[in-house]
Amino acid sequence: MFAVGAADEEGTLRAVAIVGRPVARHLDDCTTLEVARTASDGARNANSLLYGAAWRAAKPSDTGG
């Protein structure tokens, strides 16, 4: 579905996450996503940052009406 990445201050990509449809068919309800894979070069807190970014990118927007 989409991917997110984390870069350092110089703009060097340090970590990535791939988000897609669930592997388990019974969870594939067109509203559920799962983080399929993450990879980093060992940057501190990179995975937490990626999971947060993936959640913000995937959650429905609040249009207020």
N, C-alpha and C. Protein backbone atom coordinates (compact mmCIF):
# COMPACT_ATOMS: atom_id res chain seq x y z
N MET A 1 0.83 -1.18 0.00
CA MET A 1 0.00 0.00 0.00
C MET A 1 0.88 1.26 0.00
N PHE A 2 1.82 1.36 0.96
CA PHE A 2 2.71 2.50 0.99
C PHE A 2 3.94 2.18 1.84
N ALA A 3 4.92 3.06 1.77
CA ALA A 3 6.14 2.92 2.56
C ALA A 3 6.45 4.26 3.21
N VAL A 4 7.10 4.22 4.36
CA VAL A 4 7.55 5.43 5.04
C VAL A 4 9.04 5.27 5.33
N GLY A 5 9.71 6.39 5.44
CA GLY A 5 11.14 6.37 5.71
C GLY A 5 11.51 7.41 6.75
N ALA A 6 12.67 7.22 7.36
CA ALA A 6 13.20 8.16 8.35
C ALA A 6 14.58 8.60 7.90
N ALA A 7 14.78 9.91 7.85
CA ALA A 7 16.06 10.47 7.42
C ALA A 7 16.67 11.26 8.57
N ASP A 8 17.99 11.38 8.55
CA ASP A 8 18.68 12.18 9.56
C ASP A 8 18.73 13.65 9.13
N GLU A 9 19.44 14.46 9.90
CA GLU A 9 19.50 15.90 9.65
C GLU A 9 20.12 16.23 8.29
N GLU A 10 21.00 15.37 7.80
CA GLU A 10 21.64 15.61 6.50
C GLU A 10 20.79 15.11 5.33
N GLY A 11 19.67 14.45 5.63
CA GLY A 11 18.82 13.93 4.58
C GLY A 11 19.14 12.50 4.17
N THR A 12 20.01 11.83 4.91
CA THR A 12 20.36 10.45 4.62
C THR A 12 19.27 9.52 5.15
N LEU A 13 18.75 8.66 4.29
CA LEU A 13 17.71 7.71 4.70
C LEU A 13 18.32 6.71 5.66
N ARG A 14 17.74 6.58 6.86
CA ARG A 14 18.28 5.70 7.89
C ARG A 14 17.41 4.49 8.17
N ALA A 15 16.10 4.57 7.85
CA ALA A 15 15.19 3.46 8.14
C ALA A 15 13.97 3.54 7.24
N VAL A 16 13.36 2.38 6.97
CA VAL A 16 12.17 2.32 6.13
C VAL A 16 11.18 1.30 6.71
N ALA A 17 9.92 1.48 6.37
CA ALA A 17 8.87 0.52 6.73
C ALA A 17 7.94 0.35 5.54
N ILE A 18 7.50 -0.87 5.31
CA ILE A 18 6.56 -1.18 4.25
C ILE A 18 5.24 -1.59 4.89
N VAL A 19 4.17 -0.93 4.47
CA VAL A 19 2.84 -1.17 5.02
C VAL A 19 1.96 -1.72 3.90
N GLY A 20 1.22 -2.79 4.21
CA GLY A 20 0.37 -3.40 3.20
C GLY A 20 -0.86 -4.05 3.79
N ARG A 21 -1.55 -4.77 2.94
CA ARG A 21 -2.73 -5.50 3.38
C ARG A 21 -2.30 -6.67 4.26
N PRO A 22 -3.15 -7.08 5.20
CA PRO A 22 -2.81 -8.19 6.08
C PRO A 22 -2.56 -9.49 5.31
N VAL A 23 -1.63 -10.29 5.79
CA VAL A 23 -1.35 -11.58 5.18
C VAL A 23 -2.49 -12.55 5.48
N ALA A 24 -3.01 -12.51 6.70
CA ALA A 24 -4.12 -13.39 7.09
C ALA A 24 -5.41 -12.94 6.39
N ARG A 25 -6.00 -13.83 5.63
CA ARG A 25 -7.19 -13.48 4.85
C ARG A 25 -8.35 -13.03 5.71
N HIS A 26 -8.51 -13.61 6.90
CA HIS A 26 -9.66 -13.23 7.73
C HIS A 26 -9.51 -11.83 8.32
N LEU A 27 -8.31 -11.25 8.27
CA LEU A 27 -8.11 -9.87 8.73
C LEU A 27 -8.19 -8.86 7.59
N ASP A 28 -8.22 -9.33 6.36
CA ASP A 28 -8.25 -8.44 5.20
C ASP A 28 -9.66 -7.95 4.97
N ASP A 29 -10.06 -6.92 5.71
CA ASP A 29 -11.42 -6.40 5.67
C ASP A 29 -11.50 -5.03 4.99
N CYS A 30 -10.49 -4.66 4.25
CA CYS A 30 -10.41 -3.39 3.52
C CYS A 30 -10.26 -2.18 4.44
N THR A 31 -10.13 -2.40 5.74
CA THR A 31 -9.87 -1.29 6.67
C THR A 31 -8.64 -1.55 7.52
N THR A 32 -8.05 -2.73 7.43
CA THR A 32 -6.90 -3.12 8.25
C THR A 32 -5.64 -3.14 7.40
N LEU A 33 -4.57 -2.57 7.94
CA LEU A 33 -3.25 -2.63 7.33
C LEU A 33 -2.28 -3.22 8.33
N GLU A 34 -1.16 -3.72 7.84
CA GLU A 34 -0.12 -4.21 8.75
C GLU A 34 1.23 -3.75 8.24
N VAL A 35 2.13 -3.54 9.19
CA VAL A 35 3.51 -3.23 8.84
C VAL A 35 4.15 -4.55 8.47
N ALA A 36 4.50 -4.68 7.19
CA ALA A 36 5.04 -5.94 6.69
C ALA A 36 6.52 -6.10 7.02
N ARG A 37 7.25 -5.00 6.99
CA ARG A 37 8.69 -5.10 7.21
C ARG A 37 9.25 -3.74 7.59
N THR A 38 10.26 -3.76 8.45
CA THR A 38 11.04 -2.55 8.74
C THR A 38 12.51 -2.89 8.57
N ALA A 39 13.27 -1.88 8.25
CA ALA A 39 14.72 -2.05 8.13
C ALA A 39 15.38 -0.74 8.54
N SER A 40 16.49 -0.85 9.26
CA SER A 40 17.22 0.35 9.64
C SER A 40 18.70 0.03 9.73
N ASP A 41 19.48 1.07 9.82
CA ASP A 41 20.92 0.90 9.97
C ASP A 41 21.33 0.94 11.45
N GLY A 42 20.35 0.79 12.33
CA GLY A 42 20.61 0.79 13.76
C GLY A 42 20.39 2.15 14.41
N ALA A 43 19.82 3.08 13.67
CA ALA A 43 19.56 4.41 14.21
C ALA A 43 18.64 4.29 15.42
N ARG A 44 18.96 5.02 16.46
CA ARG A 44 18.21 4.94 17.71
C ARG A 44 16.75 5.39 17.50
N ASN A 45 15.82 4.61 18.02
CA ASN A 45 14.37 4.86 18.00
C ASN A 45 13.79 4.92 16.59
N ALA A 46 14.48 4.41 15.60
CA ALA A 46 14.00 4.47 14.22
C ALA A 46 12.72 3.68 14.04
N ASN A 47 12.63 2.49 14.61
CA ASN A 47 11.42 1.68 14.43
C ASN A 47 10.20 2.34 15.08
N SER A 48 10.37 2.91 16.24
CA SER A 48 9.25 3.61 16.88
C SER A 48 8.79 4.77 16.02
N LEU A 49 9.72 5.51 15.47
CA LEU A 49 9.39 6.62 14.60
C LEU A 49 8.63 6.13 13.37
N LEU A 50 9.07 5.02 12.79
CA LEU A 50 8.40 4.47 11.61
C LEU A 50 6.99 4.00 11.92
N TYR A 51 6.80 3.31 13.04
CA TYR A 51 5.46 2.84 13.40
C TYR A 51 4.51 4.02 13.62
N GLY A 52 5.00 5.06 14.26
CA GLY A 52 4.18 6.26 14.45
C GLY A 52 3.82 6.93 13.14
N ALA A 53 4.80 7.04 12.24
CA ALA A 53 4.55 7.65 10.93
C ALA A 53 3.57 6.81 10.12
N ALA A 54 3.71 5.48 10.19
CA ALA A 54 2.79 4.60 9.47
C ALA A 54 1.37 4.76 10.00
N TRP A 55 1.22 4.85 11.31
CA TRP A 55 -0.10 5.03 11.90
C TRP A 55 -0.71 6.35 11.45
N ARG A 56 0.05 7.43 11.50
CA ARG A 56 -0.48 8.73 11.08
C ARG A 56 -0.86 8.73 9.60
N ALA A 57 -0.07 8.05 8.78
CA ALA A 57 -0.37 7.99 7.35
C ALA A 57 -1.61 7.14 7.06
N ALA A 58 -1.85 6.11 7.87
CA ALA A 58 -2.94 5.17 7.60
C ALA A 58 -4.26 5.55 8.24
N LYS A 59 -4.24 6.29 9.34
CA LYS A 59 -5.50 6.56 10.04
C LYS A 59 -6.39 7.47 9.23
N PRO A 60 -7.70 7.30 9.36
CA PRO A 60 -8.63 8.15 8.62
C PRO A 60 -8.50 9.59 9.06
N SER A 61 -8.63 10.51 8.13
CA SER A 61 -8.54 11.91 8.48
C SER A 61 -9.84 12.34 9.12
N ASP A 62 -9.75 13.26 10.06
CA ASP A 62 -10.93 13.80 10.73
C ASP A 62 -11.36 15.07 9.98
N THR A 63 -12.39 14.95 9.19
CA THR A 63 -12.84 16.10 8.39
C THR A 63 -13.78 17.00 9.16
N GLY A 64 -14.21 16.54 10.33
CA GLY A 64 -15.04 17.38 11.18
C GLY A 64 -16.49 17.54 10.70
N GLY A 65 -16.93 16.71 9.82
CA GLY A 65 -18.30 16.89 9.40
C GLY A 65 -18.79 15.79 8.64
